[in-house]
C-alpha cells in the first residue's frame, strides 16, 4: 500500500517539470549507438556491395576469375545472370555472376 502511494506522488511531479528534456536525454544513447553502428557496420558493407556490383558488371570474355566456391577459371561466355567458366581445357561450367569473388590479373592461370 505504501509503494503505490509513493509512485502516485512522484508521477505528477515528474510530468510537471522537464519531461521533454528528460525524454530526449534518455533517447540520446540509443541515437548515438545507431549512428556509430551506421558508420562502423552499415556504410562499409554498402560500399563493399557497390564495389562487387561494379566488378561483376565489368566482366568480359577472357577475364580470369575466382568464384566464391574456390573455382579458378577463364570467362568464356556472358549472359544476363550467368557466365561460362573454363576451369580446364575442354571443361566448361556455368556459374552465377554473383558467385564471382575476385577478378585475377591476366596470366595468373596457366
PDB file of N, CA and C in Angstrom:
ATOM      1  N   UNK A   1       0.814  -1.177   0.000  1.00  0.00           N
ATOM      2  CA  UNK A   1       0.000   0.000   0.000  1.00  0.00           C
ATOM      3  C   UNK A   1       0.870   1.259   0.000  1.00  0.00           C
ATOM      4  N   UNK A   2       1.960   1.259   0.725  1.00  0.00           N
ATOM      5  CA  UNK A   2       2.831   2.430   0.760  1.00  0.00           C
ATOM      6  C   UNK A   2       3.543   2.656  -0.575  1.00  0.00           C
ATOM      7  N   UNK A   3       3.869   1.570  -1.243  1.00  0.00           N
ATOM      8  CA  UNK A   3       4.599   1.695  -2.500  1.00  0.00           C
ATOM      9  C   UNK A   3       3.732   2.361  -3.565  1.00  0.00           C
ATOM     10  N   UNK A   4       2.477   1.976  -3.682  1.00  0.00           N
ATOM     11  CA  UNK A   4       1.619   2.586  -4.691  1.00  0.00           C
ATOM     12  C   UNK A   4       1.391   4.061  -4.390  1.00  0.00           C
ATOM     13  N   UNK A   5       1.330   4.439  -3.143  1.00  0.00           N
ATOM     14  CA  UNK A   5       1.186   5.846  -2.802  1.00  0.00           C
ATOM     15  C   UNK A   5       2.435   6.632  -3.195  1.00  0.00           C
ATOM     16  N   UNK A   6       3.599   6.033  -3.010  1.00  0.00           N
ATOM     17  CA  UNK A   6       4.836   6.710  -3.358  1.00  0.00           C
ATOM     18  C   UNK A   6       4.919   6.951  -4.858  1.00  0.00           C
ATOM     19  N   UNK A   7       4.509   5.974  -5.659  1.00  0.00           N
ATOM     20  CA  UNK A   7       4.503   6.155  -7.103  1.00  0.00           C
ATOM     21  C   UNK A   7       3.497   7.217  -7.520  1.00  0.00           C
ATOM     22  N   UNK A   8       2.364   7.203  -6.882  1.00  0.00           N
ATOM     23  CA  UNK A   8       1.326   8.171  -7.235  1.00  0.00           C
ATOM     24  C   UNK A   8       1.776   9.594  -6.914  1.00  0.00           C
ATOM     25  N   UNK A   9       2.572   9.776  -5.897  1.00  0.00           N
ATOM     26  CA  UNK A   9       3.016  11.119  -5.529  1.00  0.00           C
ATOM     27  C   UNK A   9       4.138  11.612  -6.433  1.00  0.00           C
ATOM     28  N   UNK A  10       4.991  10.719  -6.910  1.00  0.00           N
ATOM     29  CA  UNK A  10       6.116  11.173  -7.731  1.00  0.00           C
ATOM     30  C   UNK A  10       5.772  11.300  -9.205  1.00  0.00           C
ATOM     31  N   UNK A  11       4.748  10.641  -9.666  1.00  0.00           N
ATOM     32  CA  UNK A  11       4.406  10.698 -11.078  1.00  0.00           C
ATOM     33  C   UNK A  11       4.007  12.094 -11.536  1.00  0.00           C
ATOM     34  N   UNK A  12       3.115  12.828 -10.850  1.00  0.00           N
ATOM     35  CA  UNK A  12       2.781  14.175 -11.326  1.00  0.00           C
ATOM     36  C   UNK A  12       3.961  15.142 -11.223  1.00  0.00           C
ATOM     37  N   UNK A  13       4.813  14.969 -10.252  1.00  0.00           N
ATOM     38  CA  UNK A  13       5.956  15.867 -10.111  1.00  0.00           C
ATOM     39  C   UNK A  13       6.915  15.698 -11.289  1.00  0.00           C
ATOM     40  N   UNK A  14       7.109  14.461 -11.747  1.00  0.00           N
ATOM     41  CA  UNK A  14       7.998  14.216 -12.884  1.00  0.00           C
ATOM     42  C   UNK A  14       7.384  14.725 -14.178  1.00  0.00           C
ATOM     43  N   UNK A  15       6.065  14.620 -14.295  1.00  0.00           N
ATOM     44  CA  UNK A  15       5.410  15.066 -15.524  1.00  0.00           C
ATOM     45  C   UNK A  15       5.354  16.582 -15.612  1.00  0.00           C
ATOM     46  N   UNK A  16       5.376  17.260 -14.493  1.00  0.00           N
ATOM     47  CA  UNK A  16       5.218  18.709 -14.498  1.00  0.00           C
ATOM     48  C   UNK A  16       6.484  19.426 -14.961  1.00  0.00           C
ATOM     49  N   UNK A  17       7.660  18.951 -14.601  1.00  0.00           N
ATOM     50  CA  UNK A  17       8.867  19.700 -14.919  1.00  0.00           C
ATOM     51  C   UNK A  17       9.866  18.918 -15.727  1.00  0.00           C
ATOM     52  N   UNK A  18      10.277  19.429 -16.896  1.00  0.00           N
ATOM     53  CA  UNK A  18      11.381  18.857 -17.658  1.00  0.00           C
ATOM     54  C   UNK A  18      11.081  17.524 -18.306  1.00  0.00           C
ATOM     55  N   UNK A  19       9.863  17.249 -18.680  1.00  0.00           N
ATOM     56  CA  UNK A  19       9.529  15.958 -19.278  1.00  0.00           C
ATOM     57  C   UNK A  19      10.154  15.799 -20.662  1.00  0.00           C
ATOM     58  N   UNK A  20      10.146  16.829 -21.456  1.00  0.00           N
ATOM     59  CA  UNK A  20      10.687  16.752 -22.813  1.00  0.00           C
ATOM     60  C   UNK A  20      12.207  16.596 -22.790  1.00  0.00           C
ATOM     61  N   UNK A  21      12.870  17.372 -21.965  1.00  0.00           N
ATOM     62  CA  UNK A  21      14.331  17.279 -21.919  1.00  0.00           C
ATOM     63  C   UNK A  21      14.789  15.948 -21.338  1.00  0.00           C
ATOM     64  N   UNK A  22      14.068  15.407 -20.381  1.00  0.00           N
ATOM     65  CA  UNK A  22      14.475  14.113 -19.820  1.00  0.00           C
ATOM     66  C   UNK A  22      14.239  12.989 -20.820  1.00  0.00           C
ATOM     67  N   UNK A  23      13.187  13.075 -21.632  1.00  0.00           N
ATOM     68  CA  UNK A  23      12.964  12.025 -22.628  1.00  0.00           C
ATOM     69  C   UNK A  23      14.005  12.111 -23.748  1.00  0.00           C
ATOM     70  N   UNK A  24      14.417  13.318 -24.117  1.00  0.00           N
ATOM     71  CA  UNK A  24      15.460  13.478 -25.132  1.00  0.00           C
ATOM     72  C   UNK A  24      16.788  12.948 -24.601  1.00  0.00           C
ATOM     73  N   UNK A  25      17.099  13.260 -23.375  1.00  0.00           N
ATOM     74  CA  UNK A  25      18.350  12.761 -22.781  1.00  0.00           C
ATOM     75  C   UNK A  25      18.312  11.245 -22.620  1.00  0.00           C
ATOM     76  N   UNK A  26      17.128  10.690 -22.412  1.00  0.00           N
ATOM     77  CA  UNK A  26      17.008   9.237 -22.303  1.00  0.00           C
ATOM     78  C   UNK A  26      17.194   8.546 -23.637  1.00  0.00           C
ATOM     79  N   UNK A  27      16.793   9.206 -24.725  1.00  0.00           N
ATOM     80  CA  UNK A  27      16.920   8.614 -26.058  1.00  0.00           C
ATOM     81  C   UNK A  27      18.279   8.888 -26.696  1.00  0.00           C
ATOM     82  N   UNK A  28      19.038   9.800 -26.155  1.00  0.00           N
ATOM     83  CA  UNK A  28      20.335  10.176 -26.725  1.00  0.00           C
ATOM     84  C   UNK A  28      21.303   8.991 -26.853  1.00  0.00           C
ATOM     85  N   UNK A  29      21.457   8.142 -25.838  1.00  0.00           N
ATOM     86  CA  UNK A  29      22.369   6.998 -26.020  1.00  0.00           C
ATOM     87  C   UNK A  29      21.927   6.051 -27.138  1.00  0.00           C
ATOM     88  N   UNK A  30      20.624   5.868 -27.296  1.00  0.00           N
ATOM     89  CA  UNK A  30      20.120   4.999 -28.354  1.00  0.00           C
ATOM     90  C   UNK A  30      20.429   5.584 -29.732  1.00  0.00           C
ATOM     91  N   UNK A  31      20.246   6.877 -29.879  1.00  0.00           N
ATOM     92  CA  UNK A  31      20.545   7.547 -31.151  1.00  0.00           C
ATOM     93  C   UNK A  31      22.045   7.486 -31.441  1.00  0.00           C
ATOM     94  N   UNK A  32      22.858   7.708 -30.441  1.00  0.00           N
ATOM     95  CA  UNK A  32      24.308   7.644 -30.631  1.00  0.00           C
ATOM     96  C   UNK A  32      24.759   6.240 -31.016  1.00  0.00           C
ATOM     97  N   UNK A  33      24.153   5.220 -30.413  1.00  0.00           N
ATOM     98  CA  UNK A  33      24.512   3.844 -30.768  1.00  0.00           C
ATOM     99  C   UNK A  33      24.137   3.550 -32.218  1.00  0.00           C
ATOM    100  N   UNK A  34      23.002   4.055 -32.692  1.00  0.00           N
ATOM    101  CA  UNK A  34      22.617   3.844 -34.086  1.00  0.00           C
ATOM    102  C   UNK A  34      23.583   4.544 -35.034  1.00  0.00           C
ATOM    103  N   UNK A  35      23.997   5.751 -34.708  1.00  0.00           N
ATOM    104  CA  UNK A  35      24.934   6.496 -35.561  1.00  0.00           C
ATOM    105  C   UNK A  35      26.271   5.759 -35.644  1.00  0.00           C
ATOM    106  N   UNK A  36      26.771   5.274 -34.517  1.00  0.00           N
ATOM    107  CA  UNK A  36      28.032   4.531 -34.502  1.00  0.00           C
ATOM    108  C   UNK A  36      27.882   3.236 -35.299  1.00  0.00           C
ATOM    109  N   UNK A  37      26.753   2.537 -35.134  1.00  0.00           N
ATOM    110  CA  UNK A  37      26.502   1.307 -35.869  1.00  0.00           C
ATOM    111  C   UNK A  37      26.483   1.579 -37.369  1.00  0.00           C
ATOM    112  N   UNK A  38      25.883   2.675 -37.780  1.00  0.00           N
ATOM    113  CA  UNK A  38      25.829   3.024 -39.197  1.00  0.00           C
ATOM    114  C   UNK A  38      27.227   3.221 -39.771  1.00  0.00           C
ATOM    115  N   UNK A  39      28.066   3.987 -39.082  1.00  0.00           N
ATOM    116  CA  UNK A  39      29.390   4.285 -39.624  1.00  0.00           C
ATOM    117  C   UNK A  39      30.367   3.124 -39.498  1.00  0.00           C
ATOM    118  N   UNK A  40      30.151   2.218 -38.561  1.00  0.00           N
ATOM    119  CA  UNK A  40      31.078   1.101 -38.380  1.00  0.00           C
ATOM    120  C   UNK A  40      30.678  -0.117 -39.203  1.00  0.00           C
ATOM    121  N   UNK A  41      29.362  -0.378 -39.333  1.00  0.00           N
ATOM    122  CA  UNK A  41      28.943  -1.613 -39.995  1.00  0.00           C
ATOM    123  C   UNK A  41      28.171  -1.400 -41.297  1.00  0.00           C
ATOM    124  N   UNK A  42      27.171  -0.567 -41.294  1.00  0.00           N
ATOM    125  CA  UNK A  42      26.265  -0.475 -42.430  1.00  0.00           C
ATOM    126  C   UNK A  42      26.932   0.210 -43.622  1.00  0.00           C
ATOM    127  N   UNK A  43      27.561   1.339 -43.416  1.00  0.00           N
ATOM    128  CA  UNK A  43      28.166   2.092 -44.520  1.00  0.00           C
ATOM    129  C   UNK A  43      29.290   1.326 -45.222  1.00  0.00           C
ATOM    130  N   UNK A  44      30.228   0.707 -44.486  1.00  0.00           N
ATOM    131  CA  UNK A  44      31.259  -0.075 -45.185  1.00  0.00           C
ATOM    132  C   UNK A  44      30.690  -1.265 -45.961  1.00  0.00           C
ATOM    133  N   UNK A  45      29.632  -1.893 -45.430  1.00  0.00           N
ATOM    134  CA  UNK A  45      29.022  -3.016 -46.135  1.00  0.00           C
ATOM    135  C   UNK A  45      28.370  -2.554 -47.435  1.00  0.00           C
ATOM    136  N   UNK A  46      27.722  -1.398 -47.414  1.00  0.00           N
ATOM    137  CA  UNK A  46      27.114  -0.857 -48.630  1.00  0.00           C
ATOM    138  C   UNK A  46      28.188  -0.526 -49.663  1.00  0.00           C
ATOM    139  N   UNK A  47      29.308   0.013 -49.219  1.00  0.00           N
ATOM    140  CA  UNK A  47      30.411   0.333 -50.135  1.00  0.00           C
ATOM    141  C   UNK A  47      30.977  -0.945 -50.754  1.00  0.00           C
ATOM    142  N   UNK A  48      31.111  -1.987 -49.954  1.00  0.00           N
ATOM    143  CA  UNK A  48      31.635  -3.255 -50.447  1.00  0.00           C
ATOM    144  C   UNK A  48      30.686  -3.878 -51.474  1.00  0.00           C
ATOM    145  N   UNK A  49      29.380  -3.795 -51.231  1.00  0.00           N
ATOM    146  CA  UNK A  49      28.406  -4.315 -52.189  1.00  0.00           C
ATOM    147  C   UNK A  49      28.462  -3.545 -53.506  1.00  0.00           C
ATOM    148  N   UNK A  50      28.644  -2.235 -53.428  1.00  0.00           N
ATOM    149  CA  UNK A  50      28.724  -1.418 -54.635  1.00  0.00           C
ATOM    150  C   UNK A  50      29.964  -1.784 -55.457  1.00  0.00           C
ATOM    151  N   UNK A  51      31.101  -1.987 -54.794  1.00  0.00           N
ATOM    152  CA  UNK A  51      32.322  -2.381 -55.497  1.00  0.00           C
ATOM    153  C   UNK A  51      32.149  -3.745 -56.165  1.00  0.00           C
ATOM    154  N   UNK A  52      31.496  -4.685 -55.473  1.00  0.00           N
ATOM    155  CA  UNK A  52      31.270  -6.021 -56.027  1.00  0.00           C
ATOM    156  C   UNK A  52      30.365  -5.942 -57.253  1.00  0.00           C
ATOM    157  N   UNK A  53      29.328  -5.117 -57.185  1.00  0.00           N
ATOM    158  CA  UNK A  53      28.403  -4.953 -58.304  1.00  0.00           C
ATOM    159  C   UNK A  53      29.118  -4.372 -59.528  1.00  0.00           C
ATOM    160  N   UNK A  54      29.985  -3.371 -59.320  1.00  0.00           N
ATOM    161  CA  UNK A  54      30.711  -2.787 -60.454  1.00  0.00           C
ATOM    162  C   UNK A  54      31.713  -3.784 -61.037  1.00  0.00           C
ATOM    163  N   UNK A  55      32.317  -4.621 -60.179  1.00  0.00           N
ATOM    164  CA  UNK A  55      33.245  -5.641 -60.667  1.00  0.00           C
ATOM    165  C   UNK A  55      32.508  -6.653 -61.533  1.00  0.00           C
ATOM    166  N   UNK A  56      31.329  -7.069 -61.114  1.00  0.00           N
ATOM    167  CA  UNK A  56      30.559  -8.051 -61.874  1.00  0.00           C
ATOM    168  C   UNK A  56      30.085  -7.451 -63.200  1.00  0.00           C
ATOM    169  N   UNK A  57      29.675  -6.194 -63.173  1.00  0.00           N
ATOM    170  CA  UNK A  57      29.218  -5.548 -64.403  1.00  0.00           C
ATOM    171  C   UNK A  57      30.355  -5.350 -65.407  1.00  0.00           C
ATOM    172  N   UNK A  58      31.586  -5.255 -64.937  1.00  0.00           N
ATOM    173  CA  UNK A  58      32.730  -5.010 -65.812  1.00  0.00           C
ATOM    174  C   UNK A  58      33.366  -6.291 -66.357  1.00  0.00           C
ATOM    175  N   UNK A  59      32.812  -7.460 -66.033  1.00  0.00           N
ATOM    176  CA  UNK A  59      33.387  -8.714 -66.525  1.00  0.00           C
ATOM    177  C   UNK A  59      33.316  -8.785 -68.043  1.00  0.00           C
ATOM    178  N   UNK A  60      34.349  -9.366 -68.636  1.00  0.00           N
ATOM    179  CA  UNK A  60      34.405  -9.529 -70.089  1.00  0.00           C
ATOM    180  C   UNK A  60      34.977 -10.909 -70.404  1.00  0.00           C
ATOM    181  N   UNK A  61      34.787 -11.349 -71.626  1.00  0.00           N
ATOM    182  CA  UNK A  61      35.347 -12.638 -72.044  1.00  0.00           C
ATOM    183  C   UNK A  61      36.864 -12.577 -71.921  1.00  0.00           C
ATOM    184  N   UNK A  62      37.429 -13.661 -71.430  1.00  0.00           N
ATOM    185  CA  UNK A  62      38.875 -13.738 -71.275  1.00  0.00           C
ATOM    186  C   UNK A  62      39.368 -13.357 -69.890  1.00  0.00           C
ATOM    187  N   UNK A  63      38.503 -12.764 -69.064  1.00  0.00           N
ATOM    188  CA  UNK A  63      38.909 -12.422 -67.699  1.00  0.00           C
ATOM    189  C   UNK A  63      39.121 -13.695 -66.885  1.00  0.00           C
ATOM    190  N   UNK A  64      40.115 -13.669 -66.032  1.00  0.00           N
ATOM    191  CA  UNK A  64      40.389 -14.796 -65.147  1.00  0.00           C
ATOM    192  C   UNK A  64      39.821 -14.451 -63.780  1.00  0.00           C
ATOM    193  N   UNK A  65      39.000 -15.376 -63.248  1.00  0.00           N
ATOM    194  CA  UNK A  65      38.273 -15.079 -62.011  1.00  0.00           C
ATOM    195  C   UNK A  65      38.394 -16.213 -61.004  1.00  0.00           C
ATOM    196  N   UNK A  66      38.004 -15.898 -59.770  1.00  0.00           N
ATOM    197  CA  UNK A  66      37.858 -16.878 -58.704  1.00  0.00           C
ATOM    198  C   UNK A  66      36.421 -16.779 -58.228  1.00  0.00           C
ATOM    199  N   UNK A  67      35.755 -17.929 -58.102  1.00  0.00           N
ATOM    200  CA  UNK A  67      34.376 -17.922 -57.611  1.00  0.00           C
ATOM    201  C   UNK A  67      34.373 -18.033 -56.091  1.00  0.00           C
ATOM    202  N   UNK A  68      33.193 -17.824 -55.512  1.00  0.00           N
ATOM    203  CA  UNK A  68      33.046 -17.926 -54.059  1.00  0.00           C
ATOM    204  C   UNK A  68      33.316 -19.354 -53.578  1.00  0.00           C
ATOM    205  N   UNK A  69      33.114 -20.336 -54.452  1.00  0.00           N
ATOM    206  CA  UNK A  69      33.379 -21.725 -54.101  1.00  0.00           C
ATOM    207  C   UNK A  69      34.832 -22.132 -54.276  1.00  0.00           C
ATOM    208  N   UNK A  70      35.660 -21.245 -54.829  1.00  0.00           N
ATOM    209  CA  UNK A  70      37.081 -21.524 -54.965  1.00  0.00           C
ATOM    210  C   UNK A  70      37.505 -21.975 -56.347  1.00  0.00           C
ATOM    211  N   UNK A  71      36.598 -22.000 -57.320  1.00  0.00           N
ATOM    212  CA  UNK A  71      36.982 -22.385 -58.684  1.00  0.00           C
ATOM    213  C   UNK A  71      37.728 -21.247 -59.356  1.00  0.00           C
ATOM    214  N   UNK A  72      38.825 -21.597 -60.005  1.00  0.00           N
ATOM    215  CA  UNK A  72      39.564 -20.632 -60.813  1.00  0.00           C
ATOM    216  C   UNK A  72      39.305 -20.962 -62.266  1.00  0.00           C
ATOM    217  N   UNK A  73      39.088 -19.930 -63.074  1.00  0.00           N
ATOM    218  CA  UNK A  73      38.840 -20.199 -64.475  1.00  0.00           C
ATOM    219  C   UNK A  73      38.827 -18.937 -65.302  1.00  0.00           C
ATOM    220  N   UNK A  74      38.624 -19.146 -66.598  1.00  0.00           N
ATOM    221  CA  UNK A  74      38.597 -18.049 -67.565  1.00  0.00           C
ATOM    222  C   UNK A  74      37.176 -17.919 -68.098  1.00  0.00           C
ATOM    223  N   UNK A  75      36.671 -16.688 -68.154  1.00  0.00           N
ATOM    224  CA  UNK A  75      35.318 -16.428 -68.633  1.00  0.00           C
ATOM    225  C   UNK A  75      35.276 -16.669 -70.136  1.00  0.00           C
ATOM    226  N   UNK A  76      34.329 -17.540 -70.565  1.00  0.00           N
ATOM    227  CA  UNK A  76      34.197 -17.844 -71.984  1.00  0.00           C
ATOM    228  C   UNK A  76      32.898 -17.325 -72.573  1.00  0.00           C
ATOM    229  N   UNK A  77      31.878 -17.174 -71.756  1.00  0.00           N
ATOM    230  CA  UNK A  77      30.580 -16.698 -72.253  1.00  0.00           C
ATOM    231  C   UNK A  77      29.909 -15.881 -71.157  1.00  0.00           C
ATOM    232  N   UNK A  78      29.184 -14.849 -71.583  1.00  0.00           N
ATOM    233  CA  UNK A  78      28.478 -13.988 -70.642  1.00  0.00           C
ATOM    234  C   UNK A  78      27.002 -13.929 -71.007  1.00  0.00           C
ATOM    235  N   UNK A  79      26.158 -14.011 -70.010  1.00  0.00           N
ATOM    236  CA  UNK A  79      24.733 -13.774 -70.207  1.00  0.00           C
ATOM    237  C   UNK A  79      24.260 -12.884 -69.063  1.00  0.00           C
ATOM    238  N   UNK A  80      22.957 -12.664 -68.993  1.00  0.00           N
ATOM    239  CA  UNK A  80      22.427 -11.715 -68.009  1.00  0.00           C
ATOM    240  C   UNK A  80      22.758 -12.109 -66.565  1.00  0.00           C
ATOM    241  N   UNK A  81      22.485 -13.332 -66.186  1.00  0.00           N
ATOM    242  CA  UNK A  81      22.701 -13.737 -64.802  1.00  0.00           C
ATOM    243  C   UNK A  81      23.763 -14.788 -64.614  1.00  0.00           C
ATOM    244  N   UNK A  82      24.284 -15.339 -65.707  1.00  0.00           N
ATOM    245  CA  UNK A  82      25.261 -16.413 -65.618  1.00  0.00           C
ATOM    246  C   UNK A  82      26.451 -16.128 -66.519  1.00  0.00           C
ATOM    247  N   UNK A  83      27.494 -16.921 -66.313  1.00  0.00           N
ATOM    248  CA  UNK A  83      28.647 -16.840 -67.199  1.00  0.00           C
ATOM    249  C   UNK A  83      29.247 -18.223 -67.357  1.00  0.00           C
ATOM    250  N   UNK A  84      29.865 -18.431 -68.510  1.00  0.00           N
ATOM    251  CA  UNK A  84      30.567 -19.677 -68.768  1.00  0.00           C
ATOM    252  C   UNK A  84      31.991 -19.554 -68.257  1.00  0.00           C
ATOM    253  N   UNK A  85      32.440 -20.565 -67.542  1.00  0.00           N
ATOM    254  CA  UNK A  85      33.764 -20.532 -66.928  1.00  0.00           C
ATOM    255  C   UNK A  85      34.542 -21.769 -67.350  1.00  0.00           C
ATOM    256  N   UNK A  86      35.656 -21.562 -68.037  1.00  0.00           N
ATOM    257  CA  UNK A  86      36.517 -22.680 -68.438  1.00  0.00           C
ATOM    258  C   UNK A  86      37.486 -22.923 -67.290  1.00  0.00           C
ATOM    259  N   UNK A  87      37.338 -24.112 -66.643  1.00  0.00           N
ATOM    260  CA  UNK A  87      38.183 -24.411 -65.484  1.00  0.00           C
ATOM    261  C   UNK A  87      39.349 -25.322 -65.858  1.00  0.00           C
ATOM    262  N   UNK A  88      39.272 -25.961 -67.019  1.00  0.00           N
ATOM    263  CA  UNK A  88      40.357 -26.793 -67.543  1.00  0.00           C
ATOM    264  C   UNK A  88      40.137 -26.881 -69.056  1.00  0.00           C
ATOM    265  N   UNK A  89      41.156 -27.270 -69.816  1.00  0.00           N
ATOM    266  CA  UNK A  89      40.952 -27.408 -71.263  1.00  0.00           C
ATOM    267  C   UNK A  89      39.835 -28.416 -71.558  1.00  0.00           C
ATOM    268  N   UNK A  90      38.791 -27.952 -72.238  1.00  0.00           N
ATOM    269  CA  UNK A  90      37.667 -28.814 -72.586  1.00  0.00           C
ATOM    270  C   UNK A  90      36.615 -28.941 -71.495  1.00  0.00           C
ATOM    271  N   UNK A  91      36.793 -28.278 -70.368  1.00  0.00           N
ATOM    272  CA  UNK A  91      35.823 -28.362 -69.272  1.00  0.00           C
ATOM    273  C   UNK A  91      35.281 -26.958 -68.999  1.00  0.00           C
ATOM    274  N   UNK A  92      33.985 -26.806 -69.252  1.00  0.00           N
ATOM    275  CA  UNK A  92      33.352 -25.506 -69.026  1.00  0.00           C
ATOM    276  C   UNK A  92      32.134 -25.693 -68.133  1.00  0.00           C
ATOM    277  N   UNK A  93      31.982 -24.820 -67.152  1.00  0.00           N
ATOM    278  CA  UNK A  93      30.837 -24.862 -66.242  1.00  0.00           C
ATOM    279  C   UNK A  93      30.113 -23.521 -66.302  1.00  0.00           C
ATOM    280  N   UNK A  94      28.851 -23.549 -65.931  1.00  0.00           N
ATOM    281  CA  UNK A  94      28.057 -22.336 -65.841  1.00  0.00           C
ATOM    282  C   UNK A  94      27.957 -21.943 -64.365  1.00  0.00           C
ATOM    283  N   UNK A  95      28.240 -20.685 -64.058  1.00  0.00           N
ATOM    284  CA  UNK A  95      28.125 -20.182 -62.687  1.00  0.00           C
ATOM    285  C   UNK A  95      27.332 -18.874 -62.718  1.00  0.00           C
ATOM    286  N   UNK A  96      26.739 -18.546 -61.597  1.00  0.00           N
ATOM    287  CA  UNK A  96      26.033 -17.277 -61.496  1.00  0.00           C
ATOM    288  C   UNK A  96      27.039 -16.144 -61.402  1.00  0.00           C
ATOM    289  N   UNK A  97      26.663 -15.002 -61.924  1.00  0.00           N
ATOM    290  CA  UNK A  97      27.553 -13.838 -61.863  1.00  0.00           C
ATOM    291  C   UNK A  97      27.844 -13.436 -60.419  1.00  0.00           C
ATOM    292  N   UNK A  98      26.860 -13.590 -59.548  1.00  0.00           N
ATOM    293  CA  UNK A  98      27.053 -13.185 -58.153  1.00  0.00           C
ATOM    294  C   UNK A  98      28.045 -14.080 -57.421  1.00  0.00           C
ATOM    295  N   UNK A  99      28.385 -15.239 -57.997  1.00  0.00           N
ATOM    296  CA  UNK A  99      29.342 -16.143 -57.362  1.00  0.00           C
ATOM    297  C   UNK A  99      30.788 -15.723 -57.593  1.00  0.00           C
ATOM    298  N   UNK A 100      31.010 -14.714 -58.432  1.00  0.00           N
ATOM    299  CA  UNK A 100      32.372 -14.246 -58.694  1.00  0.00           C
ATOM    300  C   UNK A 100      32.883 -13.497 -57.462  1.00  0.00           C
ATOM    301  N   UNK A 101      33.990 -13.972 -56.923  1.00  0.00           N
ATOM    302  CA  UNK A 101      34.556 -13.341 -55.732  1.00  0.00           C
ATOM    303  C   UNK A 101      35.661 -12.359 -56.060  1.00  0.00           C
ATOM    304  N   UNK A 102      36.429 -12.643 -57.122  1.00  0.00           N
ATOM    305  CA  UNK A 102      37.596 -11.818 -57.413  1.00  0.00           C
ATOM    306  C   UNK A 102      37.970 -11.954 -58.880  1.00  0.00           C
ATOM    307  N   UNK A 103      38.408 -10.878 -59.470  1.00  0.00           N
ATOM    308  CA  UNK A 103      38.974 -10.906 -60.824  1.00  0.00           C
ATOM    309  C   UNK A 103      40.487 -10.913 -60.669  1.00  0.00           C
ATOM    310  N   UNK A 104      41.118 -11.902 -61.294  1.00  0.00           N
ATOM    311  CA  UNK A 104      42.574 -12.048 -61.184  1.00  0.00           C
ATOM    312  C   UNK A 104      43.275 -11.288 -62.295  1.00  0.00           C
ATOM    313  N   UNK A 105      44.542 -10.940 -62.091  1.00  0.00           N
ATOM    314  CA  UNK A 105      45.318 -10.317 -63.173  1.00  0.00           C
ATOM    315  C   UNK A 105      45.502 -11.287 -64.328  1.00  0.00           C
ATOM    316  N   UNK A 106      45.597 -10.756 -65.541  1.00  0.00           N
ATOM    317  CA  UNK A 106      45.781 -11.591 -66.733  1.00  0.00           C
ATOM    318  C   UNK A 106      47.057 -12.416 -66.597  1.00  0.00           C
ATOM    319  N   UNK A 107      46.967 -13.669 -67.015  1.00  0.00           N
ATOM    320  CA  UNK A 107      48.126 -14.554 -66.980  1.00  0.00           C
ATOM    321  C   UNK A 107      48.324 -15.282 -65.673  1.00  0.00           C
ATOM    322  N   UNK A 108      47.412 -15.147 -64.734  1.00  0.00           N
ATOM    323  CA  UNK A 108      47.536 -15.832 -63.442  1.00  0.00           C
ATOM    324  C   UNK A 108      47.328 -17.323 -63.614  1.00  0.00           C
ATOM    325  N   UNK A 109      46.334 -17.682 -64.423  1.00  0.00           N
ATOM    326  CA  UNK A 109      46.021 -19.103 -64.653  1.00  0.00           C
ATOM    327  C   UNK A 109      46.822 -19.569 -65.867  1.00  0.00           C
ATOM    328  N   UNK A 110      47.569 -20.627 -65.697  1.00  0.00           N
ATOM    329  CA  UNK A 110      48.378 -21.179 -66.790  1.00  0.00           C
ATOM    330  C   UNK A 110      47.703 -22.373 -67.395  1.00  0.00           C
TER     331      UNK A 110
END
